[in-house]
Amino acid sequence: MNQTEQDQFEKLCFDFGVELDDVTSEKAEIEKEVGAGARAEGASEEVLYKIDIPANRYDLLCMEGITSALRVFLGKDEPPRYQTTPAKLKTIVEPSVNVIRPFVVCAVLRNITFDQNVYDSFIDLQDKLHHNICRERTLVSIGTHDLDAIEAPFYYRANSPADIKFTPLNRSKELDGNETMTALESDLHLKRYLYIIRKSPVYPVVCDNRNKVLSLPPIINSEYSKITLNTKNVFIEVTATDLTKANVVLDTMCTMFAQYCVPALQVEQVTVEYPDGSSMVTPQLEPRKIEVSTANINQMLELNLSSQEILVLLKKMLLSGTETQPGKLEIDIPPTRSDIFHEVDVIEDVAIAYGYNNLNVVPPKTVCNGAQQPLNMLTDLLRYELAYAGYTEILTFALCSYAENYALLRRPDDNLAVKIGNPKTVDFEIGRTNLVSGLLKTLSNNKKLPIPVKLFEIADVILRDNSVDVGAINSRRAAVLYSDSIGRFEYVHGVLDQLMLKLNISKSRYYLDAVSCTDEALFPGMRANVIVDDKPIGVIGVVHPEVVKNFDLTFPCSVLEIDIQVFNKV
């Protein structure tokens, strides 16, 4: 491309909703990194265009996808229509995989023609999907095989590592499962995936009718079924812990490379039989349907487009549709557009096709003056007061372990904690429901500080609440900790009095109720509920010795934690 063509291409990318990030070459990249042209000898000078793709547009991660999308956007091609042929092959899922990686979906690309560029793109797309939607292969992994080298039907099962015998891809020696793990520890590309299954007593495998291993998902394929430039029929198996994402990945692989098949854009389905007797045929490649309103589109974009004008714009974005009744459009969402879930996604595509720069500049219908939220203003004022009192502010994570929030504090599970699905570490299992555990944990990690240690934190806790649409609420709390050679309950009591004074809460409106306090994190006889206007807003007291021991602390502590959300309207 000359400079004019490059400028035109950059504008096209912008109009389409992506960004041309850089124009470079392999040689330029090396020279930029090492700062010496001599070290770039032998590197290619072929011009490379780096395009920044939205994370949810999996169909644009390869040359085939972005080329097709841009040509349709320019009106040079019609949106592709994918076809499926009935299943001739089947994959049988055995019950043993339920404990490790329960789902598999499959497809066949028949009569495909590879050249070096297509083959490289085919492999590169798998790698990009593994990093993206597959979440580094933890949720989904892709296996591709030369169908002519293997024998159907196929079996998806889990075996003990010692019983798995196969030759891993690009290796010459047959290994068992344990030996494969050991051998791949030195592989810079694959070693980071070993942890996914390594500690499991069984490993998932895909085998053919000869009982030969095709792949050890999510780690590596077998040399036995390796695809090459001469491969004519490709068997694709996608194993997963998430069936929805597995289908998205399979659809993406098939639609991107079905254009190289004969007939073009045609994919052969595979029947997958599950242990419970159910079966499914994949891939479907059937368009999903979403109903949108012409009025909603025009209102959100401040336009006055007819239904037909909207359909023309959507066609540029690979979407087709019809007007089912005046002002109502039924839009067909192709299998390549897994990013579209809702009417607003369709409206976004209308805006892109129309051109963001062509949208009307509309002044807002209301005038808003920016100001700090009252609760945040109150929080900042209280921070100053606690700092003036000699306390040091800390900032801890809003997520914590279940044990820190309950067991270490000797508190029972109150069913108020929001639990994290599939937490990456034990330290981030739930949203915290108190600030005291964070203060104690911080003190435990700073035991070398000279006493007394005076800490505070004002932050949100997360509480389950079924009355709101998201099922949880944030609640602003203030917590104070004082640690010395003795409990010093009177010190945190003094802090409470100071806070009440600054909040203009008279002594007739608040008091401490020791009788009703049953908080097991605090020592009996040295604990109380803080009552304001006859309503409990927090607790104060000396930390129970067992809690002190649980957090591996050296000296006694006194704590105060109150809800300051209630003062937001005071």
Protein backbone atom coordinates (compact mmCIF):
# COMPACT_ATOMS: atom_id res chain seq x y z
CA MET A 1 0.00 0.00 0.00
CA ASN A 2 1.14 3.55 -0.67
CA GLN A 3 0.42 6.27 1.88
CA THR A 4 -2.90 7.22 0.28
CA GLU A 5 -4.12 3.62 0.30
CA GLN A 6 -2.94 3.22 3.88
CA ASP A 7 -4.89 6.31 4.93
CA GLN A 8 -7.98 4.94 3.18
CA PHE A 9 -7.57 1.61 4.94
CA GLU A 10 -7.18 3.34 8.31
CA LYS A 11 -10.40 5.28 7.65
CA LEU A 12 -12.18 2.05 6.64
CA CYS A 13 -11.11 0.41 9.90
CA PHE A 14 -12.39 3.38 11.88
CA ASP A 15 -15.70 3.40 10.02
CA PHE A 16 -16.09 -0.31 10.71
CA GLY A 17 -15.49 0.12 14.43
CA VAL A 18 -11.95 -1.24 14.69
CA GLU A 19 -8.64 0.58 14.82
CA LEU A 20 -5.48 0.29 12.74
CA ASP A 21 -3.00 0.19 15.59
CA ASP A 22 0.31 0.06 13.73
CA VAL A 23 1.93 -0.56 10.36
CA THR A 24 5.17 -2.45 10.79
CA SER A 25 7.18 -5.53 9.74
CA GLU A 26 8.96 -8.38 11.43
CA LYS A 27 12.29 -6.67 10.81
CA ALA A 28 11.06 -3.32 12.17
CA GLU A 29 9.71 -4.99 15.30
CA ILE A 30 13.06 -6.68 16.01
CA GLU A 31 14.96 -3.46 15.40
CA LYS A 32 12.61 -1.58 17.68
CA GLU A 33 13.05 -4.18 20.44
CA VAL A 34 16.83 -4.68 20.33
CA GLY A 35 17.80 -1.33 18.87
CA ALA A 36 20.26 -2.79 16.37
CA GLY A 37 19.53 -3.30 12.69
CA ALA A 38 22.30 -5.87 12.33
CA ARG A 39 20.48 -8.27 14.64
CA ALA A 40 17.45 -8.24 12.33
CA GLU A 41 19.24 -9.95 9.47
CA GLY A 42 17.03 -12.52 7.78
CA ALA A 43 13.83 -11.07 9.26
CA SER A 44 10.96 -10.47 6.87
CA GLU A 45 10.29 -6.96 5.59
CA GLU A 46 6.71 -7.83 4.60
CA VAL A 47 4.38 -5.07 5.77
CA LEU A 48 2.18 -6.07 8.71
CA TYR A 49 -1.01 -4.24 9.69
CA LYS A 50 -1.86 -4.53 13.38
CA ILE A 51 -5.58 -4.05 13.92
CA ASP A 52 -7.09 -3.59 17.38
CA ILE A 53 -10.12 -5.91 17.51
CA PRO A 54 -12.91 -5.71 20.14
CA ALA A 55 -12.59 -8.58 22.62
CA ASN A 56 -16.06 -9.94 21.81
CA ARG A 57 -15.62 -10.13 18.03
CA TYR A 58 -14.16 -13.62 17.74
CA ASP A 59 -15.01 -13.65 14.01
CA LEU A 60 -12.44 -10.90 13.37
CA LEU A 61 -9.48 -12.72 14.93
CA CYS A 62 -8.28 -14.17 11.61
CA MET A 63 -7.67 -12.82 8.12
CA GLU A 64 -10.62 -14.77 6.72
CA GLY A 65 -13.08 -13.23 9.14
CA ILE A 66 -11.99 -9.61 8.96
CA THR A 67 -11.60 -9.72 5.16
CA SER A 68 -15.12 -11.11 4.73
CA ALA A 69 -16.60 -8.59 7.17
CA LEU A 70 -14.90 -5.61 5.50
CA ARG A 71 -15.96 -6.70 2.00
CA VAL A 72 -19.58 -7.02 3.13
CA PHE A 73 -19.32 -3.64 4.88
CA LEU A 74 -18.15 -2.08 1.60
CA GLY A 75 -20.95 -3.77 -0.31
CA LYS A 76 -18.60 -5.88 -2.41
CA ASP A 77 -19.99 -9.20 -1.13
CA GLU A 78 -23.26 -10.48 0.22
CA PRO A 79 -23.31 -11.72 3.83
CA PRO A 80 -22.20 -15.39 3.77
CA ARG A 81 -24.86 -18.08 4.23
CA TYR A 82 -23.57 -21.20 5.92
CA GLN A 83 -25.04 -24.63 5.27
CA THR A 84 -24.78 -27.90 7.18
CA THR A 85 -24.90 -31.43 5.83
CA PRO A 86 -26.39 -34.26 7.90
CA ALA A 87 -24.14 -36.08 10.34
CA LYS A 88 -22.34 -39.17 9.06
CA LEU A 89 -20.06 -39.59 12.08
CA LYS A 90 -20.63 -39.71 15.81
CA THR A 91 -18.72 -39.10 19.00
CA ILE A 92 -19.64 -41.11 22.09
CA VAL A 93 -19.16 -39.43 25.47
CA GLU A 94 -18.44 -41.80 28.34
CA PRO A 95 -19.49 -41.12 31.98
CA SER A 96 -15.87 -40.94 33.17
CA VAL A 97 -15.41 -37.41 31.78
CA ASN A 98 -18.12 -35.93 34.00
CA VAL A 99 -15.62 -35.39 36.82
CA ILE A 100 -13.14 -33.34 34.78
CA ARG A 101 -14.33 -31.90 31.44
CA PRO A 102 -17.87 -33.04 30.64
CA PHE A 103 -18.70 -31.52 27.23
CA VAL A 104 -17.57 -32.10 23.67
CA VAL A 105 -18.89 -30.76 20.35
CA CYS A 106 -17.60 -31.74 16.93
CA ALA A 107 -17.70 -30.92 13.20
CA VAL A 108 -16.10 -31.94 9.90
CA LEU A 109 -14.70 -29.67 7.18
CA ARG A 110 -14.87 -31.76 4.00
CA ASN A 111 -12.81 -31.25 0.86
CA ILE A 112 -10.82 -28.38 2.31
CA THR A 113 -7.80 -26.97 0.50
CA PHE A 114 -4.87 -25.71 2.54
CA ASP A 115 -1.98 -23.60 1.35
CA GLN A 116 0.67 -22.29 3.72
CA ASN A 117 -1.16 -19.04 4.46
CA VAL A 118 -4.50 -20.76 5.11
CA TYR A 119 -2.84 -23.45 7.24
CA ASP A 120 -1.00 -20.82 9.32
CA SER A 121 -4.23 -18.85 9.76
CA PHE A 122 -6.08 -22.03 10.80
CA ILE A 123 -3.52 -22.73 13.55
CA ASP A 124 -3.26 -19.07 14.55
CA LEU A 125 -7.04 -18.74 15.06
CA GLN A 126 -7.03 -21.71 17.42
CA ASP A 127 -4.27 -20.07 19.44
CA LYS A 128 -6.11 -16.73 19.63
CA LEU A 129 -9.35 -18.39 20.69
CA HIS A 130 -7.47 -20.33 23.37
CA HIS A 131 -6.20 -17.04 24.79
CA ASN A 132 -9.56 -15.29 24.48
CA ILE A 133 -12.95 -16.96 24.96
CA CYS A 134 -11.33 -20.26 26.01
CA ARG A 135 -9.67 -18.51 28.99
CA GLU A 136 -6.27 -20.08 28.45
CA ARG A 137 -7.91 -23.46 27.72
CA THR A 138 -9.50 -23.70 31.17
CA LEU A 139 -13.03 -23.43 29.77
CA VAL A 140 -12.59 -24.70 26.21
CA SER A 141 -9.88 -26.34 24.12
CA ILE A 142 -9.75 -27.17 20.42
CA GLY A 143 -8.45 -30.30 18.73
CA THR A 144 -8.12 -30.60 14.94
CA HIS A 145 -7.37 -33.89 13.19
CA ASP A 146 -6.83 -35.41 9.73
CA LEU A 147 -10.07 -37.34 9.28
CA ASP A 148 -8.56 -39.64 6.64
CA ALA A 149 -5.93 -40.87 9.10
CA ILE A 150 -8.40 -41.89 11.81
CA GLU A 151 -11.43 -44.14 12.09
CA ALA A 152 -14.93 -43.28 13.35
CA PRO A 153 -16.80 -43.49 15.65
CA PHE A 154 -14.91 -41.41 18.16
CA TYR A 155 -14.90 -41.74 21.94
CA TYR A 156 -14.48 -39.08 24.58
CA ARG A 157 -13.45 -40.63 27.89
CA ALA A 158 -11.23 -40.13 30.93
CA ASN A 159 -8.44 -42.59 31.78
CA SER A 160 -5.83 -42.77 34.49
CA PRO A 161 -2.54 -41.18 33.31
CA ALA A 162 -0.72 -44.53 33.34
CA ASP A 163 -3.28 -46.04 30.94
CA ILE A 164 -2.93 -43.30 28.33
CA LYS A 165 -0.44 -44.24 25.61
CA PHE A 166 0.18 -42.00 22.60
CA THR A 167 2.79 -40.04 20.69
CA PRO A 168 2.31 -36.31 21.38
CA LEU A 169 2.26 -33.88 18.46
CA ASN A 170 5.66 -33.25 16.83
CA ARG A 171 7.34 -35.96 18.92
CA SER A 172 8.61 -39.39 17.94
CA LYS A 173 8.33 -41.37 21.18
CA GLU A 174 5.19 -42.89 22.66
CA LEU A 175 4.50 -41.68 26.21
CA ASP A 176 1.91 -42.29 28.89
CA GLY A 177 0.01 -39.47 30.58
CA ASN A 178 2.53 -38.89 33.36
CA GLU A 179 5.48 -38.99 30.97
CA THR A 180 3.72 -36.50 28.71
CA MET A 181 3.34 -34.06 31.58
CA THR A 182 7.02 -34.41 32.47
CA ALA A 183 8.13 -34.03 28.86
CA LEU A 184 6.06 -30.88 28.33
CA GLU A 185 7.48 -29.13 31.40
CA SER A 186 10.25 -27.83 29.13
CA ASP A 187 7.85 -26.70 26.40
CA LEU A 188 7.57 -22.90 26.72
CA HIS A 189 4.22 -22.84 24.93
CA LEU A 190 2.42 -25.77 26.57
CA LYS A 191 3.81 -25.94 30.10
CA ARG A 192 1.48 -23.18 31.33
CA TYR A 193 -1.55 -25.41 30.62
CA LEU A 194 -0.38 -28.52 32.48
CA TYR A 195 -1.87 -27.45 35.82
CA ILE A 196 -5.42 -27.63 34.40
CA ILE A 197 -5.57 -31.44 34.63
CA ARG A 198 -2.28 -32.52 36.18
CA LYS A 199 -3.58 -33.05 39.71
CA SER A 200 -6.64 -34.97 38.51
CA PRO A 201 -6.65 -38.77 39.01
CA VAL A 202 -7.92 -39.10 35.41
CA TYR A 203 -7.12 -37.23 32.19
CA PRO A 204 -9.62 -36.64 29.38
CA VAL A 205 -8.78 -38.19 25.99
CA VAL A 206 -10.41 -38.33 22.56
CA CYS A 207 -9.91 -41.71 20.87
CA ASP A 208 -10.96 -43.22 17.57
CA ASN A 209 -12.45 -46.65 16.84
CA ARG A 210 -8.97 -48.19 16.83
CA ASN A 211 -8.60 -47.00 20.44
CA LYS A 212 -5.80 -44.66 19.38
CA VAL A 213 -5.57 -41.34 21.18
CA LEU A 214 -6.32 -38.29 19.03
CA SER A 215 -5.82 -35.69 21.73
CA LEU A 216 -5.19 -35.12 25.42
CA PRO A 217 -7.34 -32.03 26.01
CA PRO A 218 -6.68 -29.32 26.91
CA ILE A 219 -2.94 -29.95 26.50
CA ILE A 220 -1.87 -31.46 23.18
CA ASN A 221 -2.98 -33.40 20.11
CA SER A 222 -1.52 -36.67 18.88
CA GLU A 223 1.02 -37.12 16.11
CA TYR A 224 -1.26 -39.90 14.85
CA SER A 225 -3.97 -37.48 13.67
CA LYS A 226 -1.79 -34.49 12.77
CA ILE A 227 -3.12 -32.22 10.03
CA THR A 228 -0.78 -31.10 7.22
CA LEU A 229 -0.95 -29.04 4.04
CA ASN A 230 -2.14 -32.21 2.29
CA THR A 231 -5.07 -32.79 4.64
CA LYS A 232 -8.39 -32.80 2.77
CA ASN A 233 -10.89 -33.56 5.53
CA VAL A 234 -10.60 -32.05 9.01
CA PHE A 235 -12.30 -33.43 12.13
CA ILE A 236 -12.71 -30.74 14.80
CA GLU A 237 -13.44 -31.63 18.43
CA VAL A 238 -13.96 -28.99 21.08
CA THR A 239 -13.94 -30.13 24.72
CA ALA A 240 -15.14 -27.86 27.48
CA THR A 241 -16.48 -27.19 30.93
CA ASP A 242 -18.87 -24.61 29.42
CA LEU A 243 -21.13 -25.93 26.64
CA THR A 244 -22.22 -22.48 25.40
CA LYS A 245 -18.65 -21.31 24.89
CA ALA A 246 -17.77 -24.63 23.27
CA ASN A 247 -20.46 -24.08 20.64
CA VAL A 248 -19.29 -20.51 20.02
CA VAL A 249 -15.72 -21.72 19.48
CA LEU A 250 -16.80 -24.54 17.16
CA ASP A 251 -19.03 -22.20 15.13
CA THR A 252 -16.15 -19.73 14.79
CA MET A 253 -13.66 -22.34 13.58
CA CYS A 254 -16.13 -23.79 11.07
CA THR A 255 -17.47 -20.52 9.63
CA MET A 256 -14.04 -18.97 9.20
CA PHE A 257 -12.64 -21.83 7.12
CA ALA A 258 -15.71 -23.33 5.43
CA GLN A 259 -14.98 -21.01 2.50
CA TYR A 260 -12.06 -23.27 1.56
CA CYS A 261 -14.29 -26.35 1.40
CA VAL A 262 -16.07 -27.81 -1.62
CA PRO A 263 -18.93 -26.93 -1.69
CA ALA A 264 -17.96 -23.61 -0.11
CA LEU A 265 -19.53 -22.49 3.19
CA GLN A 266 -20.74 -26.02 3.91
CA VAL A 267 -19.98 -27.86 7.16
CA GLU A 268 -20.70 -31.49 8.01
CA GLN A 269 -22.39 -32.09 11.34
CA VAL A 270 -21.40 -34.74 13.89
CA THR A 271 -23.71 -36.52 16.33
CA VAL A 272 -22.56 -36.39 19.96
CA GLU A 273 -24.10 -39.00 22.27
CA TYR A 274 -24.00 -38.30 26.01
CA PRO A 275 -24.04 -40.88 28.86
CA ASP A 276 -27.59 -39.97 29.95
CA GLY A 277 -28.94 -41.14 26.59
CA SER A 278 -29.33 -37.64 25.14
CA SER A 279 -27.66 -36.62 21.93
CA MET A 280 -26.98 -33.42 20.03
CA VAL A 281 -25.93 -32.62 16.49
CA THR A 282 -23.22 -29.98 16.09
CA PRO A 283 -22.65 -27.43 14.72
CA GLN A 284 -26.10 -25.96 14.11
CA LEU A 285 -25.07 -22.73 12.33
CA GLU A 286 -28.70 -21.64 12.34
CA PRO A 287 -29.23 -17.87 12.67
CA ARG A 288 -30.67 -16.69 15.96
CA LYS A 289 -33.52 -14.21 15.84
CA ILE A 290 -33.87 -10.94 17.72
CA GLU A 291 -36.81 -8.57 17.46
CA VAL A 292 -35.97 -4.86 17.40
CA SER A 293 -38.07 -1.73 17.22
CA THR A 294 -37.52 0.93 14.58
CA ALA A 295 -38.73 3.52 17.10
CA ASN A 296 -36.15 2.43 19.69
CA ILE A 297 -33.35 2.61 17.15
CA ASN A 298 -34.31 6.10 16.04
CA GLN A 299 -34.82 7.29 19.61
CA MET A 300 -31.45 6.06 20.88
CA LEU A 301 -29.52 7.35 17.86
CA GLU A 302 -31.56 10.56 17.39
CA LEU A 303 -32.28 9.58 13.75
CA ASN A 304 -35.33 9.23 11.56
CA LEU A 305 -34.62 6.07 9.55
CA SER A 306 -37.21 3.90 7.88
CA SER A 307 -37.32 0.16 8.47
CA GLN A 308 -35.84 -0.51 5.04
CA GLU A 309 -33.00 1.95 5.61
CA ILE A 310 -32.19 0.19 8.89
CA LEU A 311 -32.18 -3.23 7.18
CA VAL A 312 -29.76 -1.92 4.55
CA LEU A 313 -27.43 -0.64 7.27
CA LEU A 314 -27.60 -3.91 9.20
CA LYS A 315 -26.73 -5.86 6.06
CA LYS A 316 -23.38 -4.07 6.05
CA MET A 317 -22.78 -5.58 9.51
CA LEU A 318 -23.55 -9.17 8.37
CA LEU A 319 -27.10 -9.01 9.76
CA SER A 320 -30.18 -9.66 7.66
CA GLY A 321 -33.82 -9.29 8.62
CA THR A 322 -37.38 -8.53 7.66
CA GLU A 323 -40.13 -6.20 8.79
CA THR A 324 -42.70 -8.49 10.42
CA GLN A 325 -45.10 -5.62 11.14
CA PRO A 326 -44.91 -1.85 10.92
CA GLY A 327 -42.03 -0.67 13.10
CA LYS A 328 -40.99 -4.20 14.15
CA LEU A 329 -37.95 -5.91 12.64
CA GLU A 330 -36.92 -9.56 13.02
CA ILE A 331 -33.16 -9.75 12.69
CA ASP A 332 -31.27 -12.94 11.85
CA ILE A 333 -28.05 -13.19 13.86
CA PRO A 334 -25.51 -15.37 11.99
CA PRO A 335 -23.30 -17.88 13.86
CA THR A 336 -20.35 -15.53 13.38
CA ARG A 337 -21.94 -12.85 15.57
CA SER A 338 -21.97 -14.47 19.00
CA ASP A 339 -21.42 -10.99 20.46
CA ILE A 340 -25.05 -9.97 19.84
CA PHE A 341 -27.40 -10.72 22.73
CA HIS A 342 -29.84 -7.85 22.93
CA GLU A 343 -31.59 -5.15 20.95
CA VAL A 344 -28.97 -2.61 22.03
CA ASP A 345 -26.28 -4.68 20.32
CA VAL A 346 -28.22 -4.40 17.07
CA ILE A 347 -28.62 -0.65 17.62
CA GLU A 348 -24.85 -0.36 18.04
CA ASP A 349 -24.36 -2.03 14.66
CA VAL A 350 -26.82 0.42 13.09
CA ALA A 351 -24.75 3.28 14.54
CA ILE A 352 -21.51 1.82 13.15
CA ALA A 353 -22.99 1.25 9.69
CA TYR A 354 -24.53 4.74 9.66
CA GLY A 355 -21.23 6.23 10.82
CA TYR A 356 -20.53 7.65 14.24
CA ASN A 357 -19.33 10.89 12.68
CA ASN A 358 -22.61 11.18 10.80
CA LEU A 359 -24.79 11.00 13.91
CA ASN A 360 -26.54 14.17 14.96
CA VAL A 361 -24.90 16.27 17.65
CA VAL A 362 -27.78 16.63 20.09
CA PRO A 363 -27.55 18.79 23.22
CA PRO A 364 -28.69 17.00 26.38
CA LYS A 365 -32.30 17.57 27.33
CA THR A 366 -31.37 18.17 30.97
CA VAL A 367 -28.71 20.31 32.59
CA CYS A 368 -26.78 18.55 35.33
CA ASN A 369 -24.30 20.15 37.70
CA GLY A 370 -21.52 17.83 38.77
CA ALA A 371 -21.09 17.32 42.49
CA GLN A 372 -19.66 14.80 44.88
CA GLN A 373 -22.04 12.11 46.08
CA PRO A 374 -23.22 12.96 49.62
CA LEU A 375 -22.11 9.57 50.97
CA ASN A 376 -18.61 10.02 49.52
CA MET A 377 -18.42 13.54 50.95
CA LEU A 378 -19.41 12.19 54.37
CA THR A 379 -16.82 9.42 54.03
CA ASP A 380 -14.04 11.91 53.28
CA LEU A 381 -14.97 14.07 56.27
CA LEU A 382 -14.90 11.05 58.58
CA ARG A 383 -11.50 10.05 57.18
CA TYR A 384 -10.12 13.41 58.24
CA GLU A 385 -11.52 13.03 61.77
CA LEU A 386 -10.01 9.56 62.23
CA ALA A 387 -6.68 10.74 60.83
CA TYR A 388 -6.72 13.74 63.22
CA ALA A 389 -7.24 11.22 66.04
CA GLY A 390 -3.92 9.57 65.12
CA TYR A 391 -5.22 6.54 63.23
CA THR A 392 -3.62 5.28 60.02
CA GLU A 393 -5.91 4.45 57.10
CA ILE A 394 -5.60 1.12 55.31
CA LEU A 395 -7.16 -0.15 52.09
CA THR A 396 -7.95 -3.84 51.82
CA PHE A 397 -9.51 -6.04 49.16
CA ALA A 398 -13.30 -6.19 48.89
CA LEU A 399 -12.93 -9.95 48.37
CA CYS A 400 -11.65 -12.29 51.06
CA SER A 401 -11.61 -15.94 52.01
CA TYR A 402 -14.62 -17.60 53.60
CA ALA A 403 -12.54 -18.48 56.67
CA GLU A 404 -11.37 -14.90 57.26
CA ASN A 405 -14.92 -13.58 57.07
CA TYR A 406 -16.46 -16.20 59.37
CA ALA A 407 -14.46 -19.00 61.00
CA LEU A 408 -11.42 -16.95 62.04
CA LEU A 409 -13.77 -14.40 63.62
CA ARG A 410 -15.77 -17.15 65.36
CA ARG A 411 -18.86 -15.90 63.54
CA PRO A 412 -21.49 -18.24 62.06
CA ASP A 413 -22.38 -18.06 58.37
CA ASP A 414 -25.24 -15.52 58.19
CA ASN A 415 -25.91 -16.21 54.50
CA LEU A 416 -25.20 -12.58 53.66
CA ALA A 417 -21.96 -13.16 51.76
CA VAL A 418 -21.86 -13.02 47.96
CA LYS A 419 -19.92 -16.08 46.81
CA ILE A 420 -17.55 -15.98 43.85
CA GLY A 421 -18.03 -18.72 41.25
CA ASN A 422 -14.79 -20.61 40.46
CA PRO A 423 -12.48 -18.30 42.50
CA LYS A 424 -8.91 -18.31 41.26
CA THR A 425 -7.46 -18.47 44.78
CA VAL A 426 -8.81 -19.25 48.25
CA ASP A 427 -8.12 -15.62 49.23
CA PHE A 428 -10.95 -14.36 47.01
CA GLU A 429 -13.87 -16.68 47.70
CA ILE A 430 -16.55 -14.20 48.82
CA GLY A 431 -17.32 -10.51 49.07
CA ARG A 432 -16.50 -9.31 52.57
CA THR A 433 -19.39 -8.62 54.94
CA ASN A 434 -17.24 -6.82 57.53
CA LEU A 435 -14.13 -4.64 57.73
CA VAL A 436 -12.75 -6.05 60.99
CA SER A 437 -11.18 -9.10 59.33
CA GLY A 438 -9.24 -6.81 56.97
CA LEU A 439 -7.95 -4.75 59.90
CA LEU A 440 -6.83 -7.87 61.77
CA LYS A 441 -5.19 -9.37 58.68
CA THR A 442 -3.33 -6.12 58.02
CA LEU A 443 -2.12 -6.02 61.61
CA SER A 444 -1.03 -9.66 61.36
CA ASN A 445 1.17 -8.75 58.39
CA ASN A 446 2.67 -5.79 60.23
CA LYS A 447 3.43 -7.28 63.65
CA LYS A 448 6.85 -5.61 63.76
CA LEU A 449 5.26 -2.18 64.12
CA PRO A 450 5.77 -0.64 67.59
CA ILE A 451 2.70 -0.58 69.83
CA PRO A 452 0.24 0.97 70.07
CA VAL A 453 -0.98 0.33 66.53
CA LYS A 454 -3.96 2.45 65.46
CA LEU A 455 -5.69 1.57 62.17
CA PHE A 456 -8.94 2.45 60.44
CA GLU A 457 -10.74 1.75 57.20
CA ILE A 458 -13.84 3.29 55.66
CA ALA A 459 -15.07 1.25 52.73
CA ASP A 460 -17.92 -0.82 51.34
CA VAL A 461 -18.94 -4.31 52.33
CA ILE A 462 -21.05 -6.49 50.01
CA LEU A 463 -24.29 -7.98 51.27
CA ARG A 464 -26.78 -10.30 49.60
CA ASP A 465 -30.17 -8.66 49.05
CA ASN A 466 -32.84 -10.40 47.02
CA SER A 467 -34.95 -7.24 46.88
CA VAL A 468 -32.66 -5.62 44.29
CA ASP A 469 -32.22 -6.73 40.70
CA VAL A 470 -28.54 -7.68 41.01
CA GLY A 471 -29.09 -9.65 44.22
CA ALA A 472 -26.58 -7.69 46.31
CA ILE A 473 -25.94 -4.22 47.73
CA ASN A 474 -22.93 -2.22 48.89
CA SER A 475 -22.98 -0.82 52.41
CA ARG A 476 -20.49 1.80 53.60
CA ARG A 477 -18.83 0.95 56.92
CA ALA A 478 -16.25 2.56 59.18
CA ALA A 479 -13.98 0.34 61.28
CA VAL A 480 -11.30 1.20 63.85
CA LEU A 481 -8.66 -1.01 65.52
CA TYR A 482 -6.46 -0.22 68.51
CA SER A 483 -3.77 -2.71 69.57
CA ASP A 484 -1.66 -2.36 72.69
CA SER A 485 -0.35 -4.39 75.60
CA ILE A 486 -3.86 -4.31 77.05
CA GLY A 487 -7.28 -4.09 75.38
CA ARG A 488 -7.84 -0.31 75.67
CA PHE A 489 -11.59 -0.53 75.09
CA GLU A 490 -11.91 3.09 76.28
CA TYR A 491 -9.77 4.28 73.35
CA VAL A 492 -12.10 3.04 70.63
CA HIS A 493 -15.04 4.19 72.77
CA GLY A 494 -13.51 7.65 72.63
CA VAL A 495 -13.27 7.41 68.85
CA LEU A 496 -16.96 6.50 68.71
CA ASP A 497 -17.86 9.50 70.86
CA GLN A 498 -15.83 11.77 68.56
CA LEU A 499 -17.53 10.41 65.45
CA MET A 500 -20.98 10.85 67.00
CA LEU A 501 -20.07 14.42 67.95
CA LYS A 502 -19.01 15.26 64.40
CA LEU A 503 -22.14 13.58 63.03
CA ASN A 504 -24.22 15.79 65.33
CA ILE A 505 -25.67 12.76 67.12
CA SER A 506 -26.44 13.85 70.69
CA LYS A 507 -25.71 11.53 73.61
CA SER A 508 -29.43 11.14 74.16
CA ARG A 509 -29.72 9.48 70.76
CA TYR A 510 -27.02 6.83 71.05
CA TYR A 511 -25.81 4.35 73.65
CA LEU A 512 -24.03 1.00 74.03
CA ASP A 513 -26.09 -2.15 74.68
CA ALA A 514 -23.96 -4.93 76.15
CA VAL A 515 -26.91 -7.22 76.93
CA SER A 516 -28.05 -7.70 73.32
CA CYS A 517 -24.56 -8.13 71.85
CA THR A 518 -23.76 -11.75 70.95
CA ASP A 519 -20.88 -11.15 68.53
CA GLU A 520 -18.53 -14.12 69.12
CA ALA A 521 -15.61 -12.19 67.60
CA LEU A 522 -15.59 -10.05 70.76
CA PHE A 523 -14.90 -11.03 74.36
CA PRO A 524 -18.03 -11.56 76.53
CA GLY A 525 -18.45 -8.75 79.03
CA MET A 526 -16.29 -6.47 76.91
CA ARG A 527 -18.56 -6.11 73.88
CA ALA A 528 -21.64 -4.08 73.00
CA ASN A 529 -23.93 -3.11 70.17
CA VAL A 530 -23.86 0.54 69.11
CA ILE A 531 -27.45 1.83 69.17
CA VAL A 532 -28.52 5.06 67.42
CA ASP A 533 -32.15 6.14 67.54
CA ASP A 534 -33.01 2.73 69.00
CA LYS A 535 -31.50 0.90 66.00
CA PRO A 536 -28.23 -1.13 66.07
CA ILE A 537 -25.65 0.26 63.64
CA GLY A 538 -22.54 -1.66 64.67
CA VAL A 539 -20.43 -3.29 67.36
CA ILE A 540 -17.62 -2.28 69.70
CA GLY A 541 -15.44 -4.33 72.01
CA VAL A 542 -12.27 -6.20 72.83
CA VAL A 543 -11.34 -8.90 70.30
CA HIS A 544 -11.76 -12.44 71.64
CA PRO A 545 -8.42 -14.16 72.50
CA GLU A 546 -9.20 -17.02 70.10
CA VAL A 547 -9.63 -14.53 67.27
CA VAL A 548 -6.33 -12.91 68.25
CA LYS A 549 -4.73 -16.36 68.03
CA ASN A 550 -6.47 -17.20 64.76
CA PHE A 551 -4.91 -14.14 63.10
CA ASP A 552 -1.55 -14.87 64.72
CA LEU A 553 -1.45 -11.54 66.55
CA THR A 554 0.88 -10.64 69.42
CA PHE A 555 -1.14 -8.15 71.46
CA PRO A 556 -4.80 -7.63 72.44
CA CYS A 557 -6.99 -5.48 70.22
CA SER A 558 -10.13 -3.42 70.54
CA VAL A 559 -12.31 -2.74 67.50
CA LEU A 560 -15.24 -0.63 66.43
CA GLU A 561 -17.30 -1.13 63.28
CA ILE A 562 -20.37 0.93 62.41
CA ASP A 563 -22.62 1.42 59.42
CA ILE A 564 -22.27 5.03 58.22
CA GLN A 565 -24.75 4.58 55.38
CA VAL A 566 -27.50 5.39 57.90
CA PHE A 567 -26.01 8.85 58.47
CA ASN A 568 -26.09 9.77 54.80
CA LYS A 569 -29.45 11.52 55.28
CA VAL A 570 -28.79 12.86 58.75
